[in-house]
Protein backbone atom coordinates (compact mmCIF):
# COMPACT_ATOMS: atom_id res chain seq x y z
CA UNK A 1 0.00 0.00 0.00
CA UNK A 2 1.42 3.33 -0.99
CA UNK A 3 1.62 6.22 1.42
CA UNK A 4 -1.01 8.22 -0.44
CA UNK A 5 -3.46 5.30 -0.29
CA UNK A 6 -2.82 4.87 3.41
CA UNK A 7 -3.44 8.57 4.13
CA UNK A 8 -6.62 8.41 2.07
CA UNK A 9 -7.83 5.38 4.03
CA UNK A 10 -7.07 7.03 7.38
CA UNK A 11 -8.84 10.21 6.35
CA UNK A 12 -11.93 8.31 5.24
CA UNK A 13 -12.00 6.35 8.49
CA UNK A 14 -11.69 9.45 10.65
CA UNK A 15 -14.35 11.34 8.70
CA UNK A 16 -16.71 8.36 8.85
CA UNK A 17 -16.21 8.16 12.62
CA UNK A 18 -16.66 11.91 13.11
CA UNK A 19 -19.89 11.97 11.08
CA UNK A 20 -21.58 9.39 13.31
CA UNK A 21 -23.79 10.64 16.12
CA UNK A 22 -22.33 10.22 19.61
CA UNK A 23 -25.00 7.71 20.63
CA UNK A 24 -24.15 5.48 17.68
CA UNK A 25 -20.42 5.63 18.45
CA UNK A 26 -21.10 4.66 22.06
CA UNK A 27 -23.36 1.81 20.98
CA UNK A 28 -20.71 0.48 18.57
CA UNK A 29 -18.02 0.70 21.24
CA UNK A 30 -20.17 -1.24 23.73
CA UNK A 31 -20.96 -3.92 21.14
CA UNK A 32 -17.26 -4.39 20.41
CA UNK A 33 -16.51 -4.61 24.12
CA UNK A 34 -19.16 -7.31 24.62
CA UNK A 35 -17.78 -9.37 21.75
CA UNK A 36 -14.33 -9.59 23.32
CA UNK A 37 -13.57 -12.89 25.02
CA UNK A 38 -13.05 -12.95 28.77
CA UNK A 39 -9.53 -12.36 30.09
CA UNK A 40 -9.02 -15.98 31.19
CA UNK A 41 -10.12 -17.38 27.85
CA UNK A 42 -8.03 -14.89 25.93
CA UNK A 43 -4.81 -15.73 27.75
CA UNK A 44 -5.27 -19.39 28.72
CA UNK A 45 -7.62 -20.85 26.14
CA UNK A 46 -10.31 -23.33 27.03
CA UNK A 47 -8.69 -24.72 30.19
CA UNK A 48 -10.25 -22.16 32.59
CA UNK A 49 -13.66 -22.93 31.12
CA UNK A 50 -13.17 -26.66 31.71
CA UNK A 51 -12.06 -26.11 35.31
CA UNK A 52 -14.93 -23.73 36.00
CA UNK A 53 -17.50 -26.14 34.58
CA UNK A 54 -16.03 -29.02 36.63
CA UNK A 55 -16.25 -26.94 39.81
CA UNK A 56 -19.88 -26.02 39.07
CA UNK A 57 -20.82 -29.67 38.51
CA UNK A 58 -19.29 -30.72 41.84
CA UNK A 59 -21.39 -28.15 43.75
PDB file of N, CA and C in Angstrom:
ATOM      1  N   UNK A   1       0.845  -1.164   0.000  1.00  0.00           N
ATOM      2  CA  UNK A   1       0.000   0.000   0.000  1.00  0.00           C
ATOM      3  C   UNK A   1       0.898   1.238   0.000  1.00  0.00           C
ATOM      4  N   UNK A   2       0.624   2.110  -0.891  1.00  0.00           N
ATOM      5  CA  UNK A   2       1.423   3.329  -0.988  1.00  0.00           C
ATOM      6  C   UNK A   2       1.003   4.317   0.096  1.00  0.00           C
ATOM      7  N   UNK A   3       1.863   5.243   0.371  1.00  0.00           N
ATOM      8  CA  UNK A   3       1.616   6.219   1.423  1.00  0.00           C
ATOM      9  C   UNK A   3       0.353   7.030   1.144  1.00  0.00           C
ATOM     10  N   UNK A   4       0.165   7.427  -0.091  1.00  0.00           N
ATOM     11  CA  UNK A   4      -1.012   8.217  -0.444  1.00  0.00           C
ATOM     12  C   UNK A   4      -2.294   7.419  -0.196  1.00  0.00           C
ATOM     13  N   UNK A   5      -2.281   6.140  -0.534  1.00  0.00           N
ATOM     14  CA  UNK A   5      -3.456   5.301  -0.291  1.00  0.00           C
ATOM     15  C   UNK A   5      -3.733   5.162   1.201  1.00  0.00           C
ATOM     16  N   UNK A   6      -2.674   5.021   1.969  1.00  0.00           N
ATOM     17  CA  UNK A   6      -2.823   4.874   3.413  1.00  0.00           C
ATOM     18  C   UNK A   6      -3.405   6.151   4.035  1.00  0.00           C
ATOM     19  N   UNK A   7      -2.920   7.284   3.620  1.00  0.00           N
ATOM     20  CA  UNK A   7      -3.436   8.566   4.129  1.00  0.00           C
ATOM     21  C   UNK A   7      -4.895   8.721   3.738  1.00  0.00           C
ATOM     22  N   UNK A   8      -5.241   8.329   2.537  1.00  0.00           N
ATOM     23  CA  UNK A   8      -6.624   8.410   2.072  1.00  0.00           C
ATOM     24  C   UNK A   8      -7.521   7.516   2.927  1.00  0.00           C
ATOM     25  N   UNK A   9      -7.070   6.306   3.203  1.00  0.00           N
ATOM     26  CA  UNK A   9      -7.830   5.377   4.028  1.00  0.00           C
ATOM     27  C   UNK A   9      -8.029   5.938   5.443  1.00  0.00           C
ATOM     28  N   UNK A  10      -6.960   6.454   6.042  1.00  0.00           N
ATOM     29  CA  UNK A  10      -7.066   7.029   7.379  1.00  0.00           C
ATOM     30  C   UNK A  10      -8.027   8.213   7.415  1.00  0.00           C
ATOM     31  N   UNK A  11      -7.953   9.053   6.420  1.00  0.00           N
ATOM     32  CA  UNK A  11      -8.840  10.214   6.351  1.00  0.00           C
ATOM     33  C   UNK A  11     -10.294   9.779   6.243  1.00  0.00           C
ATOM     34  N   UNK A  12     -10.562   8.806   5.392  1.00  0.00           N
ATOM     35  CA  UNK A  12     -11.928   8.311   5.237  1.00  0.00           C
ATOM     36  C   UNK A  12     -12.442   7.707   6.537  1.00  0.00           C
ATOM     37  N   UNK A  13     -11.597   6.971   7.229  1.00  0.00           N
ATOM     38  CA  UNK A  13     -12.001   6.354   8.485  1.00  0.00           C
ATOM     39  C   UNK A  13     -12.313   7.398   9.545  1.00  0.00           C
ATOM     40  N   UNK A  14     -11.480   8.403   9.656  1.00  0.00           N
ATOM     41  CA  UNK A  14     -11.691   9.454  10.649  1.00  0.00           C
ATOM     42  C   UNK A  14     -12.951  10.244  10.332  1.00  0.00           C
ATOM     43  N   UNK A  15     -13.156  10.579   9.080  1.00  0.00           N
ATOM     44  CA  UNK A  15     -14.353  11.336   8.695  1.00  0.00           C
ATOM     45  C   UNK A  15     -15.616  10.510   8.937  1.00  0.00           C
ATOM     46  N   UNK A  16     -15.560   9.244   8.618  1.00  0.00           N
ATOM     47  CA  UNK A  16     -16.710   8.364   8.848  1.00  0.00           C
ATOM     48  C   UNK A  16     -17.039   8.298  10.335  1.00  0.00           C
ATOM     49  N   UNK A  17     -16.009   8.202  11.163  1.00  0.00           N
ATOM     50  CA  UNK A  17     -16.208   8.161  12.618  1.00  0.00           C
ATOM     51  C   UNK A  17     -16.765   9.488  13.133  1.00  0.00           C
ATOM     52  N   UNK A  18     -16.235  10.586  12.638  1.00  0.00           N
ATOM     53  CA  UNK A  18     -16.659  11.909  13.107  1.00  0.00           C
ATOM     54  C   UNK A  18     -18.087  12.236  12.679  1.00  0.00           C
ATOM     55  N   UNK A  19     -18.544  11.686  11.564  1.00  0.00           N
ATOM     56  CA  UNK A  19     -19.893  11.968  11.080  1.00  0.00           C
ATOM     57  C   UNK A  19     -20.970  11.200  11.831  1.00  0.00           C
ATOM     58  N   UNK A  20     -20.593  10.166  12.564  1.00  0.00           N
ATOM     59  CA  UNK A  20     -21.576   9.390  13.305  1.00  0.00           C
ATOM     60  C   UNK A  20     -22.042  10.169  14.527  1.00  0.00           C
ATOM     61  N   UNK A  21     -23.310  10.016  14.888  1.00  0.00           N
ATOM     62  CA  UNK A  21     -23.791  10.636  16.122  1.00  0.00           C
ATOM     63  C   UNK A  21     -23.115   9.986  17.335  1.00  0.00           C
ATOM     64  N   UNK A  22     -23.025  10.723  18.421  1.00  0.00           N
ATOM     65  CA  UNK A  22     -22.327  10.225  19.605  1.00  0.00           C
ATOM     66  C   UNK A  22     -22.983   8.960  20.153  1.00  0.00           C
ATOM     67  N   UNK A  23     -24.294   8.888  20.110  1.00  0.00           N
ATOM     68  CA  UNK A  23     -25.001   7.709  20.627  1.00  0.00           C
ATOM     69  C   UNK A  23     -24.626   6.456  19.824  1.00  0.00           C
ATOM     70  N   UNK A  24     -24.513   6.618  18.526  1.00  0.00           N
ATOM     71  CA  UNK A  24     -24.147   5.475  17.678  1.00  0.00           C
ATOM     72  C   UNK A  24     -22.710   5.026  17.941  1.00  0.00           C
ATOM     73  N   UNK A  25     -21.807   5.982  18.146  1.00  0.00           N
ATOM     74  CA  UNK A  25     -20.417   5.632  18.452  1.00  0.00           C
ATOM     75  C   UNK A  25     -20.331   4.865  19.767  1.00  0.00           C
ATOM     76  N   UNK A  26     -21.093   5.326  20.759  1.00  0.00           N
ATOM     77  CA  UNK A  26     -21.105   4.657  22.056  1.00  0.00           C
ATOM     78  C   UNK A  26     -21.669   3.254  21.935  1.00  0.00           C
ATOM     79  N   UNK A  27     -22.742   3.114  21.175  1.00  0.00           N
ATOM     80  CA  UNK A  27     -23.363   1.811  20.980  1.00  0.00           C
ATOM     81  C   UNK A  27     -22.383   0.847  20.301  1.00  0.00           C
ATOM     82  N   UNK A  28     -21.686   1.316  19.274  1.00  0.00           N
ATOM     83  CA  UNK A  28     -20.712   0.482  18.567  1.00  0.00           C
ATOM     84  C   UNK A  28     -19.583   0.061  19.495  1.00  0.00           C
ATOM     85  N   UNK A  29     -19.110   0.994  20.306  1.00  0.00           N
ATOM     86  CA  UNK A  29     -18.022   0.696  21.242  1.00  0.00           C
ATOM     87  C   UNK A  29     -18.449  -0.370  22.251  1.00  0.00           C
ATOM     88  N   UNK A  30     -19.674  -0.261  22.775  1.00  0.00           N
ATOM     89  CA  UNK A  30     -20.167  -1.238  23.734  1.00  0.00           C
ATOM     90  C   UNK A  30     -20.340  -2.612  23.096  1.00  0.00           C
ATOM     91  N   UNK A  31     -20.813  -2.646  21.847  1.00  0.00           N
ATOM     92  CA  UNK A  31     -20.962  -3.923  21.143  1.00  0.00           C
ATOM     93  C   UNK A  31     -19.614  -4.601  20.954  1.00  0.00           C
ATOM     94  N   UNK A  32     -18.599  -3.823  20.579  1.00  0.00           N
ATOM     95  CA  UNK A  32     -17.258  -4.395  20.406  1.00  0.00           C
ATOM     96  C   UNK A  32     -16.720  -4.926  21.727  1.00  0.00           C
ATOM     97  N   UNK A  33     -17.000  -4.198  22.801  1.00  0.00           N
ATOM     98  CA  UNK A  33     -16.514  -4.612  24.120  1.00  0.00           C
ATOM     99  C   UNK A  33     -17.166  -5.920  24.548  1.00  0.00           C
ATOM    100  N   UNK A  34     -18.456  -6.081  24.253  1.00  0.00           N
ATOM    101  CA  UNK A  34     -19.160  -7.306  24.617  1.00  0.00           C
ATOM    102  C   UNK A  34     -18.689  -8.499  23.806  1.00  0.00           C
ATOM    103  N   UNK A  35     -18.233  -8.283  22.602  1.00  0.00           N
ATOM    104  CA  UNK A  35     -17.784  -9.372  21.747  1.00  0.00           C
ATOM    105  C   UNK A  35     -16.427  -9.921  22.164  1.00  0.00           C
ATOM    106  N   UNK A  36     -15.661  -9.143  22.920  1.00  0.00           N
ATOM    107  CA  UNK A  36     -14.331  -9.588  23.321  1.00  0.00           C
ATOM    108  C   UNK A  36     -14.446 -10.792  24.256  1.00  0.00           C
ATOM    109  N   UNK A  37     -13.545 -11.757  24.096  1.00  0.00           N
ATOM    110  CA  UNK A  37     -13.566 -12.895  25.017  1.00  0.00           C
ATOM    111  C   UNK A  37     -13.089 -12.477  26.407  1.00  0.00           C
ATOM    112  N   UNK A  38     -13.463 -13.235  27.397  1.00  0.00           N
ATOM    113  CA  UNK A  38     -13.047 -12.947  28.765  1.00  0.00           C
ATOM    114  C   UNK A  38     -11.531 -13.056  28.888  1.00  0.00           C
ATOM    115  N   UNK A  39     -10.987 -12.401  29.901  1.00  0.00           N
ATOM    116  CA  UNK A  39      -9.532 -12.363  30.085  1.00  0.00           C
ATOM    117  C   UNK A  39      -8.943 -13.765  30.194  1.00  0.00           C
ATOM    118  N   UNK A  40      -9.560 -14.629  31.002  1.00  0.00           N
ATOM    119  CA  UNK A  40      -9.019 -15.976  31.185  1.00  0.00           C
ATOM    120  C   UNK A  40      -8.996 -16.752  29.875  1.00  0.00           C
ATOM    121  N   UNK A  41     -10.041 -16.649  29.105  1.00  0.00           N
ATOM    122  CA  UNK A  41     -10.117 -17.382  27.847  1.00  0.00           C
ATOM    123  C   UNK A  41      -9.138 -16.815  26.831  1.00  0.00           C
ATOM    124  N   UNK A  42      -8.947 -15.525  26.870  1.00  0.00           N
ATOM    125  CA  UNK A  42      -8.031 -14.888  25.929  1.00  0.00           C
ATOM    126  C   UNK A  42      -6.598 -15.344  26.172  1.00  0.00           C
ATOM    127  N   UNK A  43      -6.198 -15.418  27.429  1.00  0.00           N
ATOM    128  CA  UNK A  43      -4.809 -15.733  27.747  1.00  0.00           C
ATOM    129  C   UNK A  43      -4.546 -17.222  27.932  1.00  0.00           C
ATOM    130  N   UNK A  44      -5.536 -17.989  28.385  1.00  0.00           N
ATOM    131  CA  UNK A  44      -5.266 -19.386  28.724  1.00  0.00           C
ATOM    132  C   UNK A  44      -6.104 -20.384  27.936  1.00  0.00           C
ATOM    133  N   UNK A  45      -6.864 -19.937  26.988  1.00  0.00           N
ATOM    134  CA  UNK A  45      -7.618 -20.854  26.138  1.00  0.00           C
ATOM    135  C   UNK A  45      -8.827 -21.445  26.833  1.00  0.00           C
ATOM    136  N   UNK A  46      -9.097 -22.694  26.542  1.00  0.00           N
ATOM    137  CA  UNK A  46     -10.312 -23.332  27.034  1.00  0.00           C
ATOM    138  C   UNK A  46     -10.142 -23.951  28.420  1.00  0.00           C
ATOM    139  N   UNK A  47      -8.925 -24.070  28.898  1.00  0.00           N
ATOM    140  CA  UNK A  47      -8.690 -24.718  30.187  1.00  0.00           C
ATOM    141  C   UNK A  47      -9.447 -24.063  31.348  1.00  0.00           C
ATOM    142  N   UNK A  48      -9.463 -22.751  31.490  1.00  0.00           N
ATOM    143  CA  UNK A  48     -10.246 -22.162  32.591  1.00  0.00           C
ATOM    144  C   UNK A  48     -11.732 -22.509  32.494  1.00  0.00           C
ATOM    145  N   UNK A  49     -12.249 -22.578  31.298  1.00  0.00           N
ATOM    146  CA  UNK A  49     -13.661 -22.927  31.117  1.00  0.00           C
ATOM    147  C   UNK A  49     -13.917 -24.351  31.607  1.00  0.00           C
ATOM    148  N   UNK A  50     -13.014 -25.267  31.287  1.00  0.00           N
ATOM    149  CA  UNK A  50     -13.167 -26.659  31.711  1.00  0.00           C
ATOM    150  C   UNK A  50     -13.134 -26.744  33.233  1.00  0.00           C
ATOM    151  N   UNK A  51     -12.169 -26.074  33.848  1.00  0.00           N
ATOM    152  CA  UNK A  51     -12.063 -26.115  35.307  1.00  0.00           C
ATOM    153  C   UNK A  51     -13.283 -25.483  35.973  1.00  0.00           C
ATOM    154  N   UNK A  52     -13.763 -24.380  35.425  1.00  0.00           N
ATOM    155  CA  UNK A  52     -14.935 -23.728  36.003  1.00  0.00           C
ATOM    156  C   UNK A  52     -16.167 -24.616  35.890  1.00  0.00           C
ATOM    157  N   UNK A  53     -16.334 -25.276  34.750  1.00  0.00           N
ATOM    158  CA  UNK A  53     -17.496 -26.142  34.583  1.00  0.00           C
ATOM    159  C   UNK A  53     -17.404 -27.369  35.502  1.00  0.00           C
ATOM    160  N   UNK A  54     -16.194 -27.874  35.720  1.00  0.00           N
ATOM    161  CA  UNK A  54     -16.032 -29.020  36.634  1.00  0.00           C
ATOM    162  C   UNK A  54     -16.375 -28.606  38.065  1.00  0.00           C
ATOM    163  N   UNK A  55     -15.963 -27.411  38.462  1.00  0.00           N
ATOM    164  CA  UNK A  55     -16.255 -26.940  39.806  1.00  0.00           C
ATOM    165  C   UNK A  55     -17.767 -26.734  40.002  1.00  0.00           C
ATOM    166  N   UNK A  56     -18.442 -26.238  38.980  1.00  0.00           N
ATOM    167  CA  UNK A  56     -19.884 -26.021  39.074  1.00  0.00           C
ATOM    168  C   UNK A  56     -20.635 -27.345  39.171  1.00  0.00           C
ATOM    169  N   UNK A  57     -20.145 -28.361  38.467  1.00  0.00           N
ATOM    170  CA  UNK A  57     -20.815 -29.667  38.513  1.00  0.00           C
ATOM    171  C   UNK A  57     -20.665 -30.314  39.882  1.00  0.00           C
ATOM    172  N   UNK A  58     -19.518 -30.123  40.543  1.00  0.00           N
ATOM    173  CA  UNK A  58     -19.291 -30.717  41.839  1.00  0.00           C
ATOM    174  C   UNK A  58     -20.182 -30.109  42.913  1.00  0.00           C
ATOM    175  N   UNK A  59     -20.550 -28.827  42.760  1.00  0.00           N
ATOM    176  CA  UNK A  59     -21.388 -28.150  43.752  1.00  0.00           C
ATOM    177  C   UNK A  59     -22.800 -28.534  43.590  1.00  0.00           C
TER     178      UNK A  59
END
